[in-house]
């Protein structure tokens, strides 16, 4: 049973898991798509959608909240000015996960996480 289980641990301690997710989301916002494992993509999607929703609010408190997660001020500016404006009419579902087969080395399920258009 998965009672009260909020997220996947990804086999890492908390600080490493948060750093991994932060790196995935930074790559997603910079390049508009990333290729990673399916489980990591699902976890990164949760964080990315939360940050885009905050960016759509557009106020100072939301900007500071996003800056706690993404330390790059230039990227946060891009998120608030470009990405949030792209999704201003959408109420959710800002990202899409496309299956990309299995990884050759260990047969892990791969996926492409991309921003929806």
N, C-alpha and C. Protein backbone atom coordinates (compact mmCIF):
# COMPACT_ATOMS: atom_id res chain seq x y z
N UNK A 1 0.83 -1.18 0.00
CA UNK A 1 0.00 0.00 0.00
C UNK A 1 0.88 1.24 0.00
N UNK A 2 0.35 2.32 -0.55
CA UNK A 2 1.14 3.54 -0.60
C UNK A 2 0.45 4.67 0.17
N UNK A 3 -0.06 4.37 1.32
CA UNK A 3 -0.71 5.37 2.14
C UNK A 3 0.28 6.46 2.55
N UNK A 4 -0.10 7.71 2.39
CA UNK A 4 0.69 8.86 2.78
C UNK A 4 2.05 8.93 2.09
N UNK A 5 2.19 8.32 0.95
CA UNK A 5 3.43 8.42 0.19
C UNK A 5 3.25 9.56 -0.81
N UNK A 6 4.01 10.62 -0.63
CA UNK A 6 3.82 11.82 -1.44
C UNK A 6 4.63 11.80 -2.73
N UNK A 7 5.79 11.17 -2.71
CA UNK A 7 6.67 11.23 -3.86
C UNK A 7 7.58 10.01 -3.90
N UNK A 8 8.25 9.81 -5.02
CA UNK A 8 9.25 8.75 -5.15
C UNK A 8 10.56 9.23 -4.55
N UNK A 9 11.30 8.33 -3.98
CA UNK A 9 12.57 8.71 -3.36
C UNK A 9 13.73 8.68 -4.36
N UNK A 10 13.57 7.96 -5.44
CA UNK A 10 14.58 7.87 -6.50
C UNK A 10 15.91 7.31 -6.01
N UNK A 11 15.90 6.57 -4.92
CA UNK A 11 17.10 5.92 -4.42
C UNK A 11 18.17 6.87 -3.94
N UNK A 12 17.78 8.05 -3.48
CA UNK A 12 18.74 9.08 -3.07
C UNK A 12 18.30 9.71 -1.76
N UNK A 13 19.28 10.25 -1.02
CA UNK A 13 18.90 11.07 0.15
C UNK A 13 18.18 12.34 -0.30
N UNK A 14 17.54 13.00 0.62
CA UNK A 14 16.69 14.14 0.29
C UNK A 14 17.44 15.24 -0.45
N UNK A 15 18.63 15.62 0.03
CA UNK A 15 19.35 16.72 -0.61
C UNK A 15 19.76 16.37 -2.03
N UNK A 16 20.18 15.13 -2.25
CA UNK A 16 20.56 14.72 -3.60
C UNK A 16 19.35 14.63 -4.52
N UNK A 17 18.22 14.15 -3.98
CA UNK A 17 17.00 14.06 -4.79
C UNK A 17 16.52 15.44 -5.21
N UNK A 18 16.55 16.39 -4.29
CA UNK A 18 16.11 17.75 -4.63
C UNK A 18 17.06 18.39 -5.63
N UNK A 19 18.36 18.13 -5.50
CA UNK A 19 19.32 18.67 -6.47
C UNK A 19 19.09 18.06 -7.85
N UNK A 20 18.79 16.77 -7.89
CA UNK A 20 18.52 16.10 -9.17
C UNK A 20 17.28 16.70 -9.83
N UNK A 21 16.20 16.85 -9.08
CA UNK A 21 14.97 17.40 -9.63
C UNK A 21 15.16 18.85 -10.07
N UNK A 22 15.91 19.61 -9.28
CA UNK A 22 16.21 21.00 -9.63
C UNK A 22 16.97 21.05 -10.96
N UNK A 23 17.94 20.18 -11.12
CA UNK A 23 18.70 20.14 -12.37
C UNK A 23 17.85 19.74 -13.56
N UNK A 24 16.95 18.79 -13.37
CA UNK A 24 16.06 18.38 -14.46
C UNK A 24 15.13 19.52 -14.87
N UNK A 25 14.59 20.23 -13.89
CA UNK A 25 13.67 21.33 -14.20
C UNK A 25 14.42 22.49 -14.86
N UNK A 26 15.63 22.76 -14.41
CA UNK A 26 16.43 23.82 -15.06
C UNK A 26 16.68 23.46 -16.51
N UNK A 27 17.04 22.21 -16.78
CA UNK A 27 17.24 21.77 -18.16
C UNK A 27 15.97 21.86 -18.98
N UNK A 28 14.84 21.53 -18.36
CA UNK A 28 13.56 21.61 -19.06
C UNK A 28 13.24 23.04 -19.45
N UNK A 29 13.42 23.97 -18.54
CA UNK A 29 13.10 25.36 -18.84
C UNK A 29 14.09 25.98 -19.84
N UNK A 30 15.34 25.55 -19.81
CA UNK A 30 16.32 26.09 -20.75
C UNK A 30 16.15 25.55 -22.16
N UNK A 31 15.86 24.25 -22.28
CA UNK A 31 15.86 23.60 -23.59
C UNK A 31 14.48 23.18 -24.08
N UNK A 32 13.45 23.40 -23.27
CA UNK A 32 12.07 23.06 -23.59
C UNK A 32 11.79 21.56 -23.65
N UNK A 33 12.81 20.71 -23.53
CA UNK A 33 12.60 19.27 -23.42
C UNK A 33 13.86 18.62 -22.86
N UNK A 34 13.67 17.50 -22.17
CA UNK A 34 14.79 16.73 -21.66
C UNK A 34 14.46 15.25 -21.84
N UNK A 35 15.50 14.43 -21.89
CA UNK A 35 15.31 12.98 -21.96
C UNK A 35 15.87 12.38 -20.69
N UNK A 36 15.04 11.64 -19.98
CA UNK A 36 15.43 11.04 -18.71
C UNK A 36 14.59 9.78 -18.51
N UNK A 37 14.75 9.14 -17.36
CA UNK A 37 13.95 7.95 -17.10
C UNK A 37 12.50 8.36 -16.82
N UNK A 38 11.61 7.42 -16.97
CA UNK A 38 10.18 7.70 -16.81
C UNK A 38 9.85 8.15 -15.40
N UNK A 39 10.42 7.51 -14.39
CA UNK A 39 10.12 7.86 -13.00
C UNK A 39 10.65 9.25 -12.68
N UNK A 40 11.85 9.58 -13.14
CA UNK A 40 12.40 10.92 -12.90
C UNK A 40 11.58 11.96 -13.64
N UNK A 41 11.10 11.64 -14.84
CA UNK A 41 10.29 12.58 -15.59
C UNK A 41 8.98 12.88 -14.87
N UNK A 42 8.37 11.87 -14.28
CA UNK A 42 7.12 12.08 -13.57
C UNK A 42 7.32 12.96 -12.34
N UNK A 43 8.42 12.76 -11.63
CA UNK A 43 8.69 13.59 -10.46
C UNK A 43 9.07 15.02 -10.87
N UNK A 44 9.84 15.17 -11.94
CA UNK A 44 10.22 16.51 -12.40
C UNK A 44 9.01 17.26 -12.93
N UNK A 45 8.06 16.54 -13.51
CA UNK A 45 6.85 17.19 -14.02
C UNK A 45 6.06 17.84 -12.88
N UNK A 46 6.00 17.18 -11.74
CA UNK A 46 5.29 17.74 -10.59
C UNK A 46 5.89 19.08 -10.18
N UNK A 47 7.22 19.12 -10.10
CA UNK A 47 7.90 20.35 -9.70
C UNK A 47 7.76 21.43 -10.77
N UNK A 48 7.92 21.07 -12.03
CA UNK A 48 7.84 22.05 -13.11
C UNK A 48 6.45 22.67 -13.19
N UNK A 49 5.41 21.85 -13.08
CA UNK A 49 4.06 22.39 -13.14
C UNK A 49 3.79 23.33 -11.97
N UNK A 50 4.31 22.99 -10.80
CA UNK A 50 4.13 23.85 -9.62
C UNK A 50 4.82 25.19 -9.83
N UNK A 51 6.03 25.18 -10.40
CA UNK A 51 6.77 26.42 -10.62
C UNK A 51 6.11 27.29 -11.70
N UNK A 52 5.56 26.67 -12.73
CA UNK A 52 4.89 27.43 -13.78
C UNK A 52 3.62 28.07 -13.22
N UNK A 53 2.90 27.35 -12.37
CA UNK A 53 1.71 27.92 -11.75
C UNK A 53 2.07 29.13 -10.90
N UNK A 54 3.18 29.04 -10.15
CA UNK A 54 3.62 30.19 -9.37
C UNK A 54 4.00 31.35 -10.29
N UNK A 55 4.68 31.04 -11.39
CA UNK A 55 5.10 32.09 -12.32
C UNK A 55 3.91 32.78 -12.96
N UNK A 56 2.83 32.07 -13.16
CA UNK A 56 1.63 32.68 -13.73
C UNK A 56 1.01 33.70 -12.79
N UNK A 57 1.20 33.52 -11.48
CA UNK A 57 0.71 34.53 -10.53
C UNK A 57 1.43 35.85 -10.75
N UNK A 58 2.75 35.78 -10.91
CA UNK A 58 3.50 36.96 -11.31
C UNK A 58 3.84 37.96 -10.23
N UNK A 59 3.47 37.74 -8.99
CA UNK A 59 3.79 38.72 -7.96
C UNK A 59 5.15 38.45 -7.33
N UNK A 60 5.55 39.35 -6.47
CA UNK A 60 6.88 39.27 -5.86
C UNK A 60 7.03 38.05 -4.97
N UNK A 61 5.98 37.71 -4.23
CA UNK A 61 6.04 36.54 -3.36
C UNK A 61 6.23 35.26 -4.18
N UNK A 62 5.56 35.17 -5.32
CA UNK A 62 5.73 34.00 -6.19
C UNK A 62 7.14 33.95 -6.75
N UNK A 63 7.68 35.10 -7.13
CA UNK A 63 9.05 35.13 -7.66
C UNK A 63 10.05 34.67 -6.61
N UNK A 64 9.86 35.10 -5.38
CA UNK A 64 10.77 34.68 -4.30
C UNK A 64 10.62 33.19 -4.01
N UNK A 65 9.41 32.68 -4.12
CA UNK A 65 9.18 31.25 -3.91
C UNK A 65 9.88 30.43 -4.99
N UNK A 66 9.82 30.88 -6.22
CA UNK A 66 10.50 30.18 -7.31
C UNK A 66 12.01 30.30 -7.16
N UNK A 67 12.49 31.44 -6.70
CA UNK A 67 13.93 31.63 -6.50
C UNK A 67 14.49 30.70 -5.42
N UNK A 68 13.65 30.25 -4.49
CA UNK A 68 14.10 29.28 -3.50
C UNK A 68 14.44 27.95 -4.16
N UNK A 69 13.71 27.61 -5.21
CA UNK A 69 13.94 26.34 -5.90
C UNK A 69 14.96 26.48 -7.01
N UNK A 70 14.85 27.52 -7.83
CA UNK A 70 15.76 27.74 -8.95
C UNK A 70 16.67 28.92 -8.63
N UNK A 71 17.94 28.68 -8.36
CA UNK A 71 18.82 29.76 -7.92
C UNK A 71 19.28 30.70 -9.04
N UNK A 72 18.94 30.43 -10.28
CA UNK A 72 19.37 31.23 -11.42
C UNK A 72 18.35 32.34 -11.68
N UNK A 73 18.70 33.59 -11.35
CA UNK A 73 17.76 34.70 -11.49
C UNK A 73 17.39 34.96 -12.94
N UNK A 74 18.32 34.73 -13.85
CA UNK A 74 18.04 34.94 -15.27
C UNK A 74 17.00 33.93 -15.76
N UNK A 75 17.14 32.69 -15.33
CA UNK A 75 16.18 31.66 -15.71
C UNK A 75 14.81 31.93 -15.10
N UNK A 76 14.78 32.44 -13.88
CA UNK A 76 13.51 32.78 -13.24
C UNK A 76 12.83 33.91 -14.01
N UNK A 77 13.60 34.88 -14.46
CA UNK A 77 13.04 35.95 -15.29
C UNK A 77 12.44 35.41 -16.58
N UNK A 78 13.15 34.48 -17.21
CA UNK A 78 12.64 33.85 -18.44
C UNK A 78 11.36 33.07 -18.14
N UNK A 79 11.32 32.38 -16.99
CA UNK A 79 10.14 31.63 -16.61
C UNK A 79 8.94 32.55 -16.43
N UNK A 80 9.13 33.69 -15.78
CA UNK A 80 8.03 34.60 -15.51
C UNK A 80 7.59 35.36 -16.76
N UNK A 81 8.53 35.73 -17.62
CA UNK A 81 8.18 36.57 -18.78
C UNK A 81 7.77 35.77 -20.01
N UNK A 82 8.45 34.66 -20.27
CA UNK A 82 8.18 33.91 -21.50
C UNK A 82 7.27 32.69 -21.27
N UNK A 83 7.70 31.81 -20.39
CA UNK A 83 6.98 30.55 -20.21
C UNK A 83 5.61 30.79 -19.58
N UNK A 84 5.53 31.63 -18.56
CA UNK A 84 4.24 31.89 -17.92
C UNK A 84 3.26 32.55 -18.90
N UNK A 85 3.76 33.41 -19.77
CA UNK A 85 2.88 34.04 -20.76
C UNK A 85 2.40 33.03 -21.80
N UNK A 86 3.22 32.05 -22.10
CA UNK A 86 2.83 31.02 -23.07
C UNK A 86 1.65 30.20 -22.55
N UNK A 87 1.59 30.01 -21.23
CA UNK A 87 0.55 29.16 -20.64
C UNK A 87 -0.49 29.96 -19.86
N UNK A 88 -0.66 31.25 -20.14
CA UNK A 88 -1.56 32.08 -19.35
C UNK A 88 -3.02 31.65 -19.47
N UNK A 89 -3.42 31.03 -20.59
CA UNK A 89 -4.81 30.61 -20.77
C UNK A 89 -5.04 29.16 -20.34
N UNK A 90 -4.00 28.47 -19.93
CA UNK A 90 -4.11 27.06 -19.58
C UNK A 90 -4.11 26.93 -18.06
N UNK A 91 -4.97 26.07 -17.53
CA UNK A 91 -5.09 25.95 -16.07
C UNK A 91 -4.28 24.80 -15.50
N UNK A 92 -3.53 24.10 -16.31
CA UNK A 92 -2.71 22.99 -15.83
C UNK A 92 -2.22 22.18 -17.00
N UNK A 93 -1.44 21.17 -16.73
CA UNK A 93 -0.95 20.31 -17.80
C UNK A 93 0.04 21.03 -18.70
N UNK A 94 1.03 21.67 -18.09
CA UNK A 94 1.98 22.47 -18.87
C UNK A 94 3.07 21.61 -19.51
N UNK A 95 3.21 20.39 -19.03
CA UNK A 95 4.27 19.52 -19.55
C UNK A 95 3.65 18.24 -20.10
N UNK A 96 4.43 17.56 -20.93
CA UNK A 96 3.97 16.33 -21.56
C UNK A 96 5.10 15.32 -21.44
N UNK A 97 4.77 14.07 -21.16
CA UNK A 97 5.74 12.98 -21.09
C UNK A 97 5.48 12.06 -22.27
N UNK A 98 6.51 11.90 -23.10
CA UNK A 98 6.42 11.03 -24.27
C UNK A 98 7.34 9.83 -24.05
N UNK A 99 6.83 8.60 -24.08
CA UNK A 99 7.70 7.44 -23.89
C UNK A 99 8.77 7.38 -24.99
N UNK A 100 9.99 6.99 -24.59
CA UNK A 100 11.11 6.96 -25.55
C UNK A 100 11.81 5.60 -25.56
N UNK A 101 11.11 4.54 -25.24
CA UNK A 101 11.70 3.21 -25.30
C UNK A 101 12.52 2.88 -24.07
N UNK A 102 13.41 1.88 -24.23
CA UNK A 102 14.23 1.43 -23.13
C UNK A 102 15.68 1.83 -23.34
N UNK A 103 16.36 2.10 -22.24
CA UNK A 103 17.78 2.41 -22.31
C UNK A 103 18.54 1.12 -22.57
N UNK A 104 19.55 1.20 -23.38
CA UNK A 104 20.26 0.01 -23.82
C UNK A 104 21.04 -0.66 -22.69
N UNK A 105 21.64 0.09 -21.81
CA UNK A 105 22.50 -0.48 -20.79
C UNK A 105 21.77 -1.28 -19.73
N UNK A 106 20.68 -0.73 -19.20
CA UNK A 106 19.99 -1.40 -18.11
C UNK A 106 18.49 -1.58 -18.35
N UNK A 107 18.04 -1.31 -19.54
CA UNK A 107 16.65 -1.49 -19.95
C UNK A 107 15.69 -0.65 -19.12
N UNK A 108 16.16 0.51 -18.64
CA UNK A 108 15.26 1.41 -17.91
C UNK A 108 14.33 2.10 -18.90
N UNK A 109 13.09 2.31 -18.47
CA UNK A 109 12.12 3.00 -19.32
C UNK A 109 12.53 4.48 -19.45
N UNK A 110 12.73 4.95 -20.66
CA UNK A 110 13.11 6.34 -20.90
C UNK A 110 11.89 7.12 -21.35
N UNK A 111 11.96 8.43 -21.15
CA UNK A 111 10.86 9.31 -21.55
C UNK A 111 11.42 10.69 -21.89
N UNK A 112 10.69 11.40 -22.71
CA UNK A 112 11.03 12.78 -23.03
C UNK A 112 10.00 13.66 -22.33
N UNK A 113 10.51 14.54 -21.48
CA UNK A 113 9.66 15.51 -20.78
C UNK A 113 9.78 16.82 -21.52
N UNK A 114 8.65 17.36 -21.98
CA UNK A 114 8.69 18.58 -22.76
C UNK A 114 7.57 19.52 -22.35
N UNK A 115 7.78 20.79 -22.60
CA UNK A 115 6.74 21.77 -22.35
C UNK A 115 5.70 21.68 -23.46
N UNK A 116 4.44 21.66 -23.09
CA UNK A 116 3.36 21.60 -24.08
C UNK A 116 3.29 22.89 -24.85
N UNK A 117 2.71 22.84 -26.02
CA UNK A 117 2.54 24.05 -26.84
C UNK A 117 1.11 24.49 -26.88
